[in-house]
Amino acid sequence: MDNEVLIFGLTIAEFEDISLKVCFTALIIYMLFIIGNLAKESKAGKYGTVWMFVALGLGFVGFVAKGLIQKLMGIE
């Protein structure tokens, strides 16, 4: 190896890439749980729950779309 620092047998760039995907996916799932719990506690109903997921979920839709577009275009 060319004096590359290894973390669990991975280079720093590989470790950062994997940890970003895993941790951000976990964060998105946790945020979905929070939105669902908020809708349940506020008794939003079906229509209100859908709008809560749409409005509050748009924050991470762009990040997921960016990843999909990169894969489709072969940029990754």
PDB file of N, CA and C in Angstrom:
ATOM      1  N   MET A   1       0.839  -1.180   0.000  1.00  0.00           N
ATOM      2  CA  MET A   1       0.000   0.000   0.000  1.00  0.00           C
ATOM      3  C   MET A   1       0.884   1.243   0.000  1.00  0.00           C
ATOM      4  N   ASP A   2       0.436   2.261  -0.623  1.00  0.00           N
ATOM      5  CA  ASP A   2       1.194   3.507  -0.776  1.00  0.00           C
ATOM      6  C   ASP A   2       0.989   4.444   0.409  1.00  0.00           C
ATOM      7  N   ASN A   3       1.301   3.964   1.612  1.00  0.00           N
ATOM      8  CA  ASN A   3       1.141   4.753   2.833  1.00  0.00           C
ATOM      9  C   ASN A   3      -0.288   5.266   3.009  1.00  0.00           C
ATOM     10  N   GLU A   4      -1.262   4.477   2.576  1.00  0.00           N
ATOM     11  CA  GLU A   4      -2.662   4.862   2.766  1.00  0.00           C
ATOM     12  C   GLU A   4      -3.108   4.419   4.150  1.00  0.00           C
ATOM     13  N   VAL A   5      -3.816   5.281   4.806  1.00  0.00           N
ATOM     14  CA  VAL A   5      -4.345   4.950   6.121  1.00  0.00           C
ATOM     15  C   VAL A   5      -5.532   4.025   5.924  1.00  0.00           C
ATOM     16  N   LEU A   6      -5.547   2.917   6.649  1.00  0.00           N
ATOM     17  CA  LEU A   6      -6.622   1.948   6.517  1.00  0.00           C
ATOM     18  C   LEU A   6      -7.497   1.950   7.764  1.00  0.00           C
ATOM     19  N   ILE A   7      -8.789   1.900   7.549  1.00  0.00           N
ATOM     20  CA  ILE A   7      -9.757   1.787   8.630  1.00  0.00           C
ATOM     21  C   ILE A   7     -10.581   0.547   8.329  1.00  0.00           C
ATOM     22  N   PHE A   8     -10.485  -0.466   9.170  1.00  0.00           N
ATOM     23  CA  PHE A   8     -11.181  -1.735   8.962  1.00  0.00           C
ATOM     24  C   PHE A   8     -10.859  -2.329   7.597  1.00  0.00           C
ATOM     25  N   GLY A   9      -9.642  -2.164   7.122  1.00  0.00           N
ATOM     26  CA  GLY A   9      -9.233  -2.713   5.845  1.00  0.00           C
ATOM     27  C   GLY A   9      -9.655  -1.892   4.641  1.00  0.00           C
ATOM     28  N   LEU A  10     -10.196  -0.714   4.863  1.00  0.00           N
ATOM     29  CA  LEU A  10     -10.642   0.161   3.780  1.00  0.00           C
ATOM     30  C   LEU A  10      -9.813   1.438   3.802  1.00  0.00           C
ATOM     31  N   THR A  11      -9.685   2.057   2.645  1.00  0.00           N
ATOM     32  CA  THR A  11      -9.059   3.370   2.625  1.00  0.00           C
ATOM     33  C   THR A  11     -10.028   4.379   3.223  1.00  0.00           C
ATOM     34  N   ILE A  12      -9.534   5.553   3.515  1.00  0.00           N
ATOM     35  CA  ILE A  12     -10.394   6.566   4.130  1.00  0.00           C
ATOM     36  C   ILE A  12     -11.548   6.932   3.199  1.00  0.00           C
ATOM     37  N   ALA A  13     -11.283   7.051   1.911  1.00  0.00           N
ATOM     38  CA  ALA A  13     -12.335   7.419   0.958  1.00  0.00           C
ATOM     39  C   ALA A  13     -13.410   6.337   0.877  1.00  0.00           C
ATOM     40  N   GLU A  14     -13.000   5.071   0.861  1.00  0.00           N
ATOM     41  CA  GLU A  14     -13.979   3.979   0.818  1.00  0.00           C
ATOM     42  C   GLU A  14     -14.802   3.939   2.096  1.00  0.00           C
ATOM     43  N   PHE A  15     -14.143   4.116   3.240  1.00  0.00           N
ATOM     44  CA  PHE A  15     -14.847   4.120   4.520  1.00  0.00           C
ATOM     45  C   PHE A  15     -15.843   5.265   4.600  1.00  0.00           C
ATOM     46  N   GLU A  16     -15.444   6.460   4.154  1.00  0.00           N
ATOM     47  CA  GLU A  16     -16.346   7.613   4.169  1.00  0.00           C
ATOM     48  C   GLU A  16     -17.543   7.391   3.262  1.00  0.00           C
ATOM     49  N   ASP A  17     -17.313   6.798   2.094  1.00  0.00           N
ATOM     50  CA  ASP A  17     -18.402   6.550   1.154  1.00  0.00           C
ATOM     51  C   ASP A  17     -19.424   5.574   1.736  1.00  0.00           C
ATOM     52  N   ILE A  18     -18.941   4.480   2.302  1.00  0.00           N
ATOM     53  CA  ILE A  18     -19.839   3.478   2.878  1.00  0.00           C
ATOM     54  C   ILE A  18     -20.561   4.040   4.101  1.00  0.00           C
ATOM     55  N   SER A  19     -19.828   4.718   4.982  1.00  0.00           N
ATOM     56  CA  SER A  19     -20.456   5.233   6.194  1.00  0.00           C
ATOM     57  C   SER A  19     -21.477   6.326   5.877  1.00  0.00           C
ATOM     58  N   LEU A  20     -21.228   7.144   4.838  1.00  0.00           N
ATOM     59  CA  LEU A  20     -22.202   8.160   4.453  1.00  0.00           C
ATOM     60  C   LEU A  20     -23.499   7.504   4.000  1.00  0.00           C
ATOM     61  N   LYS A  21     -23.382   6.484   3.155  1.00  0.00           N
ATOM     62  CA  LYS A  21     -24.580   5.818   2.656  1.00  0.00           C
ATOM     63  C   LYS A  21     -25.343   5.113   3.770  1.00  0.00           C
ATOM     64  N   VAL A  22     -24.639   4.414   4.635  1.00  0.00           N
ATOM     65  CA  VAL A  22     -25.293   3.667   5.710  1.00  0.00           C
ATOM     66  C   VAL A  22     -25.904   4.616   6.735  1.00  0.00           C
ATOM     67  N   CYS A  23     -25.141   5.589   7.189  1.00  0.00           N
ATOM     68  CA  CYS A  23     -25.634   6.502   8.230  1.00  0.00           C
ATOM     69  C   CYS A  23     -26.744   7.405   7.715  1.00  0.00           C
ATOM     70  N   PHE A  24     -26.632   7.861   6.476  1.00  0.00           N
ATOM     71  CA  PHE A  24     -27.679   8.728   5.950  1.00  0.00           C
ATOM     72  C   PHE A  24     -28.961   7.943   5.706  1.00  0.00           C
ATOM     73  N   THR A  25     -28.837   6.687   5.279  1.00  0.00           N
ATOM     74  CA  THR A  25     -30.016   5.839   5.119  1.00  0.00           C
ATOM     75  C   THR A  25     -30.698   5.628   6.462  1.00  0.00           C
ATOM     76  N   ALA A  26     -29.916   5.371   7.509  1.00  0.00           N
ATOM     77  CA  ALA A  26     -30.482   5.213   8.850  1.00  0.00           C
ATOM     78  C   ALA A  26     -31.157   6.498   9.306  1.00  0.00           C
ATOM     79  N   LEU A  27     -30.570   7.638   9.010  1.00  0.00           N
ATOM     80  CA  LEU A  27     -31.160   8.918   9.383  1.00  0.00           C
ATOM     81  C   LEU A  27     -32.487   9.145   8.657  1.00  0.00           C
ATOM     82  N   ILE A  28     -32.556   8.799   7.379  1.00  0.00           N
ATOM     83  CA  ILE A  28     -33.794   8.952   6.617  1.00  0.00           C
ATOM     84  C   ILE A  28     -34.884   8.063   7.201  1.00  0.00           C
ATOM     85  N   ILE A  29     -34.549   6.820   7.526  1.00  0.00           N
ATOM     86  CA  ILE A  29     -35.539   5.910   8.114  1.00  0.00           C
ATOM     87  C   ILE A  29     -36.023   6.452   9.455  1.00  0.00           C
ATOM     88  N   TYR A  30     -35.106   6.986  10.251  1.00  0.00           N
ATOM     89  CA  TYR A  30     -35.488   7.562  11.544  1.00  0.00           C
ATOM     90  C   TYR A  30     -36.386   8.783  11.352  1.00  0.00           C
ATOM     91  N   MET A  31     -36.088   9.615  10.368  1.00  0.00           N
ATOM     92  CA  MET A  31     -36.920  10.789  10.093  1.00  0.00           C
ATOM     93  C   MET A  31     -38.318  10.364   9.632  1.00  0.00           C
ATOM     94  N   LEU A  32     -38.415   9.299   8.850  1.00  0.00           N
ATOM     95  CA  LEU A  32     -39.731   8.793   8.455  1.00  0.00           C
ATOM     96  C   LEU A  32     -40.517   8.317   9.669  1.00  0.00           C
ATOM     97  N   PHE A  33     -39.833   7.658  10.599  1.00  0.00           N
ATOM     98  CA  PHE A  33     -40.490   7.243  11.834  1.00  0.00           C
ATOM     99  C   PHE A  33     -40.992   8.451  12.617  1.00  0.00           C
ATOM    100  N   ILE A  34     -40.183   9.497  12.700  1.00  0.00           N
ATOM    101  CA  ILE A  34     -40.585  10.710  13.425  1.00  0.00           C
ATOM    102  C   ILE A  34     -41.798  11.360  12.768  1.00  0.00           C
ATOM    103  N   ILE A  35     -41.805  11.445  11.443  1.00  0.00           N
ATOM    104  CA  ILE A  35     -42.945  12.041  10.737  1.00  0.00           C
ATOM    105  C   ILE A  35     -44.202  11.218  10.976  1.00  0.00           C
ATOM    106  N   GLY A  36     -44.084   9.897  10.906  1.00  0.00           N
ATOM    107  CA  GLY A  36     -45.238   9.022  11.166  1.00  0.00           C
ATOM    108  C   GLY A  36     -45.753   9.168  12.584  1.00  0.00           C
ATOM    109  N   ASN A  37     -44.844   9.242  13.535  1.00  0.00           N
ATOM    110  CA  ASN A  37     -45.246   9.409  14.926  1.00  0.00           C
ATOM    111  C   ASN A  37     -45.907  10.768  15.143  1.00  0.00           C
ATOM    112  N   LEU A  38     -45.386  11.804  14.494  1.00  0.00           N
ATOM    113  CA  LEU A  38     -45.980  13.134  14.594  1.00  0.00           C
ATOM    114  C   LEU A  38     -47.395  13.152  14.015  1.00  0.00           C
ATOM    115  N   ALA A  39     -47.580  12.475  12.896  1.00  0.00           N
ATOM    116  CA  ALA A  39     -48.908  12.404  12.285  1.00  0.00           C
ATOM    117  C   ALA A  39     -49.883  11.636  13.178  1.00  0.00           C
ATOM    118  N   LYS A  40     -49.395  10.586  13.800  1.00  0.00           N
ATOM    119  CA  LYS A  40     -50.250   9.784  14.678  1.00  0.00           C
ATOM    120  C   LYS A  40     -50.667  10.571  15.911  1.00  0.00           C
ATOM    121  N   GLU A  41     -49.697  11.256  16.534  1.00  0.00           N
ATOM    122  CA  GLU A  41     -50.002  12.005  17.752  1.00  0.00           C
ATOM    123  C   GLU A  41     -50.871  13.228  17.487  1.00  0.00           C
ATOM    124  N   SER A  42     -50.769  13.808  16.290  1.00  0.00           N
ATOM    125  CA  SER A  42     -51.581  14.983  15.992  1.00  0.00           C
ATOM    126  C   SER A  42     -52.939  14.611  15.423  1.00  0.00           C
ATOM    127  N   LYS A  43     -53.184  13.304  15.257  1.00  0.00           N
ATOM    128  CA  LYS A  43     -54.454  12.798  14.713  1.00  0.00           C
ATOM    129  C   LYS A  43     -54.770  13.471  13.380  1.00  0.00           C
ATOM    130  N   ALA A  44     -53.786  13.433  12.475  1.00  0.00           N
ATOM    131  CA  ALA A  44     -53.891  14.132  11.199  1.00  0.00           C
ATOM    132  C   ALA A  44     -54.850  13.447  10.228  1.00  0.00           C
ATOM    133  N   GLY A  45     -55.140  12.190  10.401  1.00  0.00           N
ATOM    134  CA  GLY A  45     -55.979  11.471   9.444  1.00  0.00           C
ATOM    135  C   GLY A  45     -55.140  11.026   8.250  1.00  0.00           C
ATOM    136  N   LYS A  46     -55.782  10.304   7.334  1.00  0.00           N
ATOM    137  CA  LYS A  46     -55.046   9.772   6.186  1.00  0.00           C
ATOM    138  C   LYS A  46     -54.546  10.877   5.270  1.00  0.00           C
ATOM    139  N   TYR A  47     -55.407  11.803   4.926  1.00  0.00           N
ATOM    140  CA  TYR A  47     -55.036  12.883   4.011  1.00  0.00           C
ATOM    141  C   TYR A  47     -53.965  13.778   4.628  1.00  0.00           C
ATOM    142  N   GLY A  48     -54.115  14.121   5.882  1.00  0.00           N
ATOM    143  CA  GLY A  48     -53.120  14.946   6.564  1.00  0.00           C
ATOM    144  C   GLY A  48     -51.781  14.239   6.716  1.00  0.00           C
ATOM    145  N   THR A  49     -51.830  12.925   6.958  1.00  0.00           N
ATOM    146  CA  THR A  49     -50.601  12.152   7.085  1.00  0.00           C
ATOM    147  C   THR A  49     -49.837  12.134   5.770  1.00  0.00           C
ATOM    148  N   VAL A  50     -50.555  11.960   4.671  1.00  0.00           N
ATOM    149  CA  VAL A  50     -49.905  11.973   3.359  1.00  0.00           C
ATOM    150  C   VAL A  50     -49.227  13.313   3.130  1.00  0.00           C
ATOM    151  N   TRP A  51     -49.909  14.402   3.441  1.00  0.00           N
ATOM    152  CA  TRP A  51     -49.322  15.718   3.231  1.00  0.00           C
ATOM    153  C   TRP A  51     -48.157  15.990   4.171  1.00  0.00           C
ATOM    154  N   MET A  52     -48.204  15.436   5.372  1.00  0.00           N
ATOM    155  CA  MET A  52     -47.067  15.594   6.278  1.00  0.00           C
ATOM    156  C   MET A  52     -45.840  14.873   5.723  1.00  0.00           C
ATOM    157  N   PHE A  53     -46.043  13.660   5.199  1.00  0.00           N
ATOM    158  CA  PHE A  53     -44.921  12.938   4.605  1.00  0.00           C
ATOM    159  C   PHE A  53     -44.395  13.662   3.371  1.00  0.00           C
ATOM    160  N   VAL A  54     -45.292  14.218   2.564  1.00  0.00           N
ATOM    161  CA  VAL A  54     -44.850  14.946   1.365  1.00  0.00           C
ATOM    162  C   VAL A  54     -44.084  16.201   1.761  1.00  0.00           C
ATOM    163  N   ALA A  55     -44.661  16.997   2.634  1.00  0.00           N
ATOM    164  CA  ALA A  55     -44.047  18.280   2.987  1.00  0.00           C
ATOM    165  C   ALA A  55     -42.753  18.108   3.781  1.00  0.00           C
ATOM    166  N   LEU A  56     -42.781  17.252   4.787  1.00  0.00           N
ATOM    167  CA  LEU A  56     -41.606  17.095   5.635  1.00  0.00           C
ATOM    168  C   LEU A  56     -40.569  16.156   5.024  1.00  0.00           C
ATOM    169  N   GLY A  57     -41.001  15.302   4.100  1.00  0.00           N
ATOM    170  CA  GLY A  57     -40.088  14.360   3.479  1.00  0.00           C
ATOM    171  C   GLY A  57     -39.333  14.910   2.289  1.00  0.00           C
ATOM    172  N   LEU A  58     -39.708  16.081   1.806  1.00  0.00           N
ATOM    173  CA  LEU A  58     -39.022  16.643   0.644  1.00  0.00           C
ATOM    174  C   LEU A  58     -37.564  16.991   0.932  1.00  0.00           C
ATOM    175  N   GLY A  59     -37.219  17.116   2.190  1.00  0.00           N
ATOM    176  CA  GLY A  59     -35.850  17.466   2.539  1.00  0.00           C
ATOM    177  C   GLY A  59     -34.826  16.439   2.106  1.00  0.00           C
ATOM    178  N   PHE A  60     -35.160  15.161   2.181  1.00  0.00           N
ATOM    179  CA  PHE A  60     -34.196  14.139   1.806  1.00  0.00           C
ATOM    180  C   PHE A  60     -34.489  13.500   0.461  1.00  0.00           C
ATOM    181  N   VAL A  61     -35.579  13.861  -0.184  1.00  0.00           N
ATOM    182  CA  VAL A  61     -35.883  13.321  -1.510  1.00  0.00           C
ATOM    183  C   VAL A  61     -34.835  13.774  -2.522  1.00  0.00           C
ATOM    184  N   GLY A  62     -34.357  14.993  -2.407  1.00  0.00           N
ATOM    185  CA  GLY A  62     -33.335  15.502  -3.316  1.00  0.00           C
ATOM    186  C   GLY A  62     -32.040  14.718  -3.211  1.00  0.00           C
ATOM    187  N   PHE A  63     -31.656  14.346  -1.993  1.00  0.00           N
ATOM    188  CA  PHE A  63     -30.428  13.569  -1.817  1.00  0.00           C
ATOM    189  C   PHE A  63     -30.564  12.185  -2.440  1.00  0.00           C
ATOM    190  N   VAL A  64     -31.703  11.556  -2.259  1.00  0.00           N
ATOM    191  CA  VAL A  64     -31.943  10.231  -2.839  1.00  0.00           C
ATOM    192  C   VAL A  64     -32.001  10.341  -4.361  1.00  0.00           C
ATOM    193  N   ALA A  65     -32.657  11.370  -4.875  1.00  0.00           N
ATOM    194  CA  ALA A  65     -32.745  11.563  -6.328  1.00  0.00           C
ATOM    195  C   ALA A  65     -31.371  11.807  -6.923  1.00  0.00           C
ATOM    196  N   LYS A  66     -30.534  12.543  -6.225  1.00  0.00           N
ATOM    197  CA  LYS A  66     -29.169  12.796  -6.710  1.00  0.00           C
ATOM    198  C   LYS A  66     -28.404  11.491  -6.865  1.00  0.00           C
ATOM    199  N   GLY A  67     -28.522  10.611  -5.900  1.00  0.00           N
ATOM    200  CA  GLY A  67     -27.852   9.317  -5.976  1.00  0.00           C
ATOM    201  C   GLY A  67     -28.353   8.476  -7.136  1.00  0.00           C
ATOM    202  N   LEU A  68     -29.669   8.475  -7.350  1.00  0.00           N
ATOM    203  CA  LEU A  68     -30.242   7.704  -8.467  1.00  0.00           C
ATOM    204  C   LEU A  68     -29.813   8.270  -9.824  1.00  0.00           C
ATOM    205  N   ILE A  69     -29.812   9.581  -9.927  1.00  0.00           N
ATOM    206  CA  ILE A  69     -29.389  10.206 -11.191  1.00  0.00           C
ATOM    207  C   ILE A  69     -27.934   9.909 -11.477  1.00  0.00           C
ATOM    208  N   GLN A  70     -27.089   9.938 -10.446  1.00  0.00           N
ATOM    209  CA  GLN A  70     -25.678   9.617 -10.631  1.00  0.00           C
ATOM    210  C   GLN A  70     -25.493   8.189 -11.107  1.00  0.00           C
ATOM    211  N   LYS A  71     -26.269   7.268 -10.548  1.00  0.00           N
ATOM    212  CA  LYS A  71     -26.159   5.864 -10.979  1.00  0.00           C
ATOM    213  C   LYS A  71     -26.633   5.697 -12.411  1.00  0.00           C
ATOM    214  N   LEU A  72     -27.739   6.351 -12.771  1.00  0.00           N
ATOM    215  CA  LEU A  72     -28.270   6.224 -14.126  1.00  0.00           C
ATOM    216  C   LEU A  72     -27.320   6.809 -15.171  1.00  0.00           C
ATOM    217  N   MET A  73     -26.649   7.898 -14.822  1.00  0.00           N
ATOM    218  CA  MET A  73     -25.740   8.548 -15.762  1.00  0.00           C
ATOM    219  C   MET A  73     -24.330   7.962 -15.709  1.00  0.00           C
ATOM    220  N   GLY A  74     -24.060   7.103 -14.739  1.00  0.00           N
ATOM    221  CA  GLY A  74     -22.750   6.485 -14.619  1.00  0.00           C
ATOM    222  C   GLY A  74     -21.688   7.415 -14.097  1.00  0.00           C
ATOM    223  N   ILE A  75     -22.074   8.426 -13.339  1.00  0.00           N
ATOM    224  CA  ILE A  75     -21.144   9.416 -12.806  1.00  0.00           C
ATOM    225  C   ILE A  75     -20.444   8.895 -11.553  1.00  0.00           C
ATOM    226  N   GLU A  76     -21.101   8.090 -10.798  1.00  0.00           N
ATOM    227  CA  GLU A  76     -20.621   7.637  -9.486  1.00  0.00           C
ATOM    228  C   GLU A  76     -19.284   7.038  -9.555  1.00  0.00           C
TER     229      GLU A  76
END
